[in-house]
N, C-alpha and C. Protein backbone atom coordinates (compact mmCIF):
# COMPACT_ATOMS: atom_id res chain seq x y z
N MET A 1 104.44 111.50 118.58
CA MET A 1 105.06 110.22 118.28
C MET A 1 103.97 109.17 118.10
N SER A 2 104.06 108.42 117.03
CA SER A 2 103.04 107.40 116.78
C SER A 2 103.47 106.07 117.38
N THR A 3 102.48 105.27 117.71
CA THR A 3 102.74 103.93 118.19
C THR A 3 102.07 102.95 117.25
N LEU A 4 102.59 101.74 117.23
CA LEU A 4 102.03 100.70 116.38
C LEU A 4 101.26 99.72 117.26
N LYS A 5 100.00 99.54 116.95
CA LYS A 5 99.17 98.59 117.68
C LYS A 5 99.28 97.23 117.02
N ASN A 6 98.99 96.20 117.78
CA ASN A 6 99.03 94.84 117.24
C ASN A 6 97.74 94.56 116.48
N THR A 7 97.53 95.34 115.43
CA THR A 7 96.36 95.21 114.56
C THR A 7 96.83 94.82 113.18
N LEU A 8 96.08 93.93 112.55
CA LEU A 8 96.33 93.51 111.18
C LEU A 8 95.19 94.02 110.32
N ILE A 9 95.52 94.76 109.28
CA ILE A 9 94.53 95.16 108.28
C ILE A 9 94.73 94.25 107.08
N GLN A 10 93.64 93.73 106.54
CA GLN A 10 93.70 92.87 105.36
C GLN A 10 92.98 93.56 104.21
N ILE A 11 93.68 93.66 103.09
CA ILE A 11 93.10 94.25 101.88
C ILE A 11 93.03 93.14 100.84
N THR A 12 91.81 92.84 100.38
CA THR A 12 91.60 91.69 99.51
C THR A 12 91.03 92.06 98.15
N GLN A 13 90.89 93.34 97.90
CA GLN A 13 90.35 93.79 96.61
C GLN A 13 90.99 95.12 96.24
N GLU A 14 90.68 95.61 95.06
CA GLU A 14 91.29 96.85 94.55
C GLU A 14 90.45 98.06 94.94
N GLY A 15 90.19 98.21 96.19
CA GLY A 15 89.41 99.33 96.68
C GLY A 15 88.73 98.95 97.97
N MET A 16 87.76 99.77 98.35
CA MET A 16 87.05 99.56 99.60
C MET A 16 85.57 99.43 99.29
N GLY A 17 84.95 98.39 99.80
CA GLY A 17 83.52 98.19 99.60
C GLY A 17 83.20 97.59 98.25
N ASN A 18 81.93 97.34 98.04
CA ASN A 18 81.45 96.77 96.79
C ASN A 18 80.67 97.81 96.01
N GLY A 19 80.70 97.70 94.70
CA GLY A 19 79.98 98.64 93.86
C GLY A 19 80.91 99.29 92.86
N ASP A 20 80.90 100.59 92.82
CA ASP A 20 81.69 101.36 91.87
C ASP A 20 83.18 101.25 92.18
N ASN A 21 83.96 100.76 91.22
CA ASN A 21 85.41 100.57 91.42
C ASN A 21 86.15 101.88 91.66
N GLU A 22 85.80 102.92 90.92
CA GLU A 22 86.46 104.21 91.08
C GLU A 22 86.21 104.77 92.48
N LEU A 23 84.99 104.64 92.95
CA LEU A 23 84.65 105.09 94.30
C LEU A 23 85.40 104.26 95.33
N GLY A 24 85.51 102.95 95.11
CA GLY A 24 86.23 102.08 96.04
C GLY A 24 87.69 102.49 96.18
N LEU A 25 88.34 102.86 95.07
CA LEU A 25 89.73 103.34 95.13
C LEU A 25 89.82 104.66 95.88
N LEU A 26 88.89 105.56 95.63
CA LEU A 26 88.87 106.85 96.31
C LEU A 26 88.69 106.67 97.82
N LEU A 27 87.78 105.79 98.20
CA LEU A 27 87.56 105.53 99.63
C LEU A 27 88.81 104.96 100.29
N LEU A 28 89.47 104.02 99.62
CA LEU A 28 90.68 103.43 100.18
C LEU A 28 91.80 104.46 100.27
N LYS A 29 91.93 105.30 99.27
CA LYS A 29 92.95 106.36 99.30
C LYS A 29 92.70 107.29 100.48
N ASN A 30 91.45 107.66 100.70
CA ASN A 30 91.12 108.52 101.84
C ASN A 30 91.42 107.81 103.16
N TYR A 31 91.06 106.54 103.24
CA TYR A 31 91.31 105.75 104.44
C TYR A 31 92.80 105.72 104.76
N LEU A 32 93.62 105.45 103.74
CA LEU A 32 95.07 105.36 103.95
C LEU A 32 95.66 106.70 104.36
N SER A 33 95.16 107.78 103.77
CA SER A 33 95.64 109.11 104.15
C SER A 33 95.31 109.41 105.60
N LEU A 34 94.10 109.08 106.02
CA LEU A 34 93.71 109.29 107.41
C LEU A 34 94.51 108.38 108.35
N LEU A 35 94.75 107.15 107.92
CA LEU A 35 95.53 106.21 108.72
C LEU A 35 96.94 106.74 108.96
N SER A 36 97.52 107.38 107.96
CA SER A 36 98.88 107.90 108.12
C SER A 36 98.94 109.05 109.12
N GLU A 37 97.81 109.69 109.38
CA GLU A 37 97.75 110.80 110.33
C GLU A 37 97.43 110.34 111.76
N GLU A 38 97.04 109.08 111.91
CA GLU A 38 96.69 108.55 113.22
C GLU A 38 97.92 108.42 114.11
N ASN A 39 97.72 108.58 115.40
CA ASN A 39 98.80 108.36 116.36
C ASN A 39 99.06 106.87 116.55
N GLU A 40 98.02 106.08 116.53
CA GLU A 40 98.17 104.63 116.67
C GLU A 40 97.87 103.98 115.34
N ARG A 41 98.84 103.28 114.83
CA ARG A 41 98.72 102.65 113.51
C ARG A 41 98.83 101.14 113.65
N PRO A 42 98.34 100.40 112.66
CA PRO A 42 98.49 98.94 112.70
C PRO A 42 99.93 98.56 112.47
N ARG A 43 100.31 97.37 112.92
CA ARG A 43 101.66 96.88 112.67
C ARG A 43 101.82 96.36 111.25
N VAL A 44 100.75 95.76 110.73
CA VAL A 44 100.85 95.06 109.45
C VAL A 44 99.60 95.29 108.60
N ILE A 45 99.82 95.39 107.29
CA ILE A 45 98.73 95.31 106.32
C ILE A 45 99.06 94.13 105.41
N ALA A 46 98.14 93.17 105.33
CA ALA A 46 98.32 92.00 104.47
C ALA A 46 97.44 92.16 103.24
N PHE A 47 97.97 91.76 102.11
CA PHE A 47 97.27 91.88 100.83
C PHE A 47 97.13 90.51 100.22
N TYR A 48 95.94 90.16 99.83
CA TYR A 48 95.77 88.93 99.07
C TYR A 48 94.64 89.10 98.09
N ASN A 49 94.49 88.09 97.21
CA ASN A 49 93.62 88.14 96.05
C ASN A 49 93.93 89.43 95.28
N ALA A 50 92.93 90.13 94.76
CA ALA A 50 93.18 91.31 93.92
C ALA A 50 93.82 92.47 94.69
N GLY A 51 93.83 92.40 96.00
CA GLY A 51 94.45 93.46 96.79
C GLY A 51 95.93 93.63 96.50
N VAL A 52 96.60 92.56 96.05
CA VAL A 52 98.03 92.66 95.75
C VAL A 52 98.30 93.63 94.61
N LYS A 53 97.32 93.83 93.74
CA LYS A 53 97.50 94.74 92.61
C LYS A 53 97.79 96.17 93.06
N LEU A 54 97.36 96.51 94.27
CA LEU A 54 97.55 97.87 94.79
C LEU A 54 99.00 98.19 95.10
N LEU A 55 99.86 97.17 95.17
CA LEU A 55 101.28 97.37 95.47
C LEU A 55 102.15 97.36 94.23
N ALA A 56 101.55 97.17 93.07
CA ALA A 56 102.30 96.96 91.84
C ALA A 56 102.45 98.24 91.01
N ASN A 57 103.34 98.17 90.05
CA ASN A 57 103.54 99.26 89.10
C ASN A 57 102.19 99.74 88.58
N GLY A 58 102.01 101.03 88.53
CA GLY A 58 100.79 101.61 87.97
C GLY A 58 99.66 101.79 88.96
N SER A 59 99.80 101.27 90.16
CA SER A 59 98.75 101.44 91.17
C SER A 59 98.69 102.90 91.60
N PRO A 60 97.48 103.47 91.69
CA PRO A 60 97.35 104.86 92.13
C PRO A 60 97.61 105.05 93.62
N LEU A 61 97.84 103.95 94.35
CA LEU A 61 98.01 104.05 95.80
C LEU A 61 99.43 103.73 96.28
N VAL A 62 100.35 103.52 95.36
CA VAL A 62 101.72 103.16 95.76
C VAL A 62 102.32 104.20 96.69
N ARG A 63 102.12 105.47 96.41
CA ARG A 63 102.70 106.53 97.26
C ARG A 63 102.19 106.43 98.69
N GLN A 64 100.88 106.21 98.85
CA GLN A 64 100.32 106.10 100.19
C GLN A 64 100.90 104.90 100.93
N PHE A 65 101.06 103.79 100.21
CA PHE A 65 101.63 102.61 100.86
C PHE A 65 103.10 102.80 101.20
N LYS A 66 103.84 103.50 100.35
CA LYS A 66 105.24 103.80 100.68
C LYS A 66 105.34 104.65 101.93
N ASP A 67 104.44 105.62 102.06
CA ASP A 67 104.42 106.47 103.26
C ASP A 67 104.15 105.64 104.51
N LEU A 68 103.19 104.71 104.42
CA LEU A 68 102.87 103.86 105.56
C LEU A 68 104.04 102.93 105.90
N GLU A 69 104.69 102.39 104.87
CA GLU A 69 105.84 101.53 105.09
C GLU A 69 106.97 102.31 105.75
N ASN A 70 107.19 103.54 105.30
CA ASN A 70 108.22 104.39 105.90
C ASN A 70 107.90 104.75 107.35
N ALA A 71 106.62 104.69 107.70
CA ALA A 71 106.20 104.95 109.08
C ALA A 71 106.31 103.71 109.96
N GLY A 72 106.79 102.59 109.38
CA GLY A 72 107.03 101.39 110.16
C GLY A 72 105.99 100.30 110.03
N ILE A 73 105.01 100.48 109.17
CA ILE A 73 103.98 99.46 108.98
C ILE A 73 104.48 98.45 107.96
N ARG A 74 104.43 97.17 108.32
CA ARG A 74 104.84 96.11 107.39
C ARG A 74 103.73 95.86 106.39
N LEU A 75 104.10 95.73 105.13
CA LEU A 75 103.16 95.43 104.06
C LEU A 75 103.54 94.07 103.49
N VAL A 76 102.62 93.10 103.59
CA VAL A 76 102.91 91.73 103.18
C VAL A 76 101.93 91.32 102.09
N ALA A 77 102.47 90.97 100.93
CA ALA A 77 101.65 90.56 99.78
C ALA A 77 101.74 89.05 99.59
N CYS A 78 100.61 88.43 99.37
CA CYS A 78 100.52 86.99 99.13
C CYS A 78 101.26 86.63 97.84
N LYS A 79 102.27 85.78 97.98
CA LYS A 79 103.09 85.39 96.83
C LYS A 79 102.28 84.60 95.80
N THR A 80 101.39 83.74 96.25
CA THR A 80 100.54 82.98 95.32
C THR A 80 99.68 83.92 94.50
N CYS A 81 99.16 84.94 95.14
CA CYS A 81 98.31 85.93 94.44
C CYS A 81 99.13 86.74 93.44
N LEU A 82 100.33 87.14 93.86
CA LEU A 82 101.21 87.88 92.94
C LEU A 82 101.51 87.04 91.71
N LYS A 83 101.79 85.77 91.94
CA LYS A 83 102.08 84.86 90.84
C LYS A 83 100.86 84.72 89.93
N HIS A 84 99.69 84.57 90.50
CA HIS A 84 98.45 84.43 89.74
C HIS A 84 98.22 85.63 88.82
N TYR A 85 98.48 86.82 89.32
CA TYR A 85 98.27 88.04 88.53
C TYR A 85 99.53 88.47 87.75
N ASN A 86 100.55 87.61 87.71
CA ASN A 86 101.80 87.91 87.01
C ASN A 86 102.45 89.21 87.50
N LEU A 87 102.50 89.37 88.81
CA LEU A 87 103.03 90.59 89.40
C LEU A 87 104.27 90.37 90.27
N LEU A 88 104.84 89.17 90.23
CA LEU A 88 105.97 88.87 91.11
C LEU A 88 107.11 89.88 90.98
N ASP A 89 107.37 90.35 89.78
CA ASP A 89 108.48 91.28 89.56
C ASP A 89 108.02 92.72 89.38
N GLN A 90 106.77 93.01 89.72
CA GLN A 90 106.25 94.36 89.52
C GLN A 90 105.85 95.07 90.82
N ILE A 91 106.16 94.50 91.95
CA ILE A 91 105.79 95.09 93.22
C ILE A 91 106.72 96.28 93.52
N GLU A 92 106.13 97.41 93.84
CA GLU A 92 106.91 98.62 94.12
C GLU A 92 107.10 98.86 95.61
N VAL A 93 106.28 98.22 96.43
CA VAL A 93 106.35 98.45 97.88
C VAL A 93 105.90 97.17 98.58
N GLY A 94 106.42 96.94 99.77
CA GLY A 94 106.04 95.77 100.53
C GLY A 94 106.93 94.58 100.24
N ILE A 95 106.61 93.47 100.90
CA ILE A 95 107.36 92.24 100.73
C ILE A 95 106.40 91.10 100.36
N GLN A 96 106.97 90.06 99.80
CA GLN A 96 106.19 88.87 99.50
C GLN A 96 106.11 87.99 100.73
N GLY A 97 104.95 87.37 100.92
CA GLY A 97 104.77 86.45 102.02
C GLY A 97 103.94 85.26 101.57
N THR A 98 103.99 84.21 102.33
CA THR A 98 103.22 83.02 102.02
C THR A 98 101.89 83.05 102.78
N MET A 99 101.01 82.13 102.45
CA MET A 99 99.77 82.03 103.19
C MET A 99 100.04 81.66 104.64
N ILE A 100 101.10 80.90 104.88
CA ILE A 100 101.48 80.58 106.26
C ILE A 100 101.84 81.86 107.01
N ASP A 101 102.56 82.77 106.35
CA ASP A 101 102.90 84.05 106.97
C ASP A 101 101.63 84.83 107.33
N ILE A 102 100.68 84.87 106.40
CA ILE A 102 99.45 85.61 106.64
C ILE A 102 98.66 84.96 107.78
N MET A 103 98.60 83.64 107.81
CA MET A 103 97.90 82.94 108.90
C MET A 103 98.55 83.25 110.25
N GLU A 104 99.86 83.29 110.27
CA GLU A 104 100.57 83.60 111.52
C GLU A 104 100.27 85.03 111.97
N LEU A 105 100.24 85.96 111.02
CA LEU A 105 99.90 87.34 111.35
C LEU A 105 98.49 87.43 111.93
N GLN A 106 97.56 86.65 111.39
CA GLN A 106 96.19 86.63 111.90
C GLN A 106 96.14 86.05 113.31
N LYS A 107 96.93 85.01 113.57
CA LYS A 107 96.93 84.37 114.89
C LYS A 107 97.43 85.29 115.99
N VAL A 108 98.46 86.06 115.69
CA VAL A 108 99.08 86.87 116.73
C VAL A 108 98.48 88.27 116.87
N ALA A 109 97.66 88.66 115.93
CA ALA A 109 97.05 90.00 115.99
C ALA A 109 95.99 90.06 117.08
N ASN A 110 95.95 91.18 117.78
CA ASN A 110 94.89 91.40 118.75
C ASN A 110 93.59 91.76 118.06
N LYS A 111 93.71 92.30 116.87
CA LYS A 111 92.53 92.75 116.12
C LYS A 111 92.82 92.61 114.62
N VAL A 112 91.82 92.13 113.86
CA VAL A 112 91.95 92.02 112.41
C VAL A 112 90.85 92.85 111.78
N VAL A 113 91.24 93.75 110.87
CA VAL A 113 90.30 94.61 110.15
C VAL A 113 90.33 94.23 108.69
N ASN A 114 89.19 93.89 108.12
CA ASN A 114 89.10 93.54 106.71
C ASN A 114 88.53 94.69 105.92
N LEU A 115 89.25 95.11 104.89
CA LEU A 115 88.76 96.19 104.02
C LEU A 115 88.35 95.62 102.69
């Protein structure tokens, strides 16, 4: 049985790390797959800036995020960012949130991990 820790993961780009974009997507995909196998998972993953693109139609990671959401992890996408990238009606997983929502999640989290 898995438990949810009061941890917030923030994804702010279309992958993990800087450098090669294809490698960054592969690293994030591996990270998410390993995260889904963990006994202790974060409560929330927040997405802002280009990170919101990972929740939209055509993202190669939608399946992984759906699996995490089905496991009880909340996925919150910055509405301003979605609007900026014209993705408001293209999100396949997660919910829209405001910057106030993201700030509140940061305040109450015991730990914040930035990817």
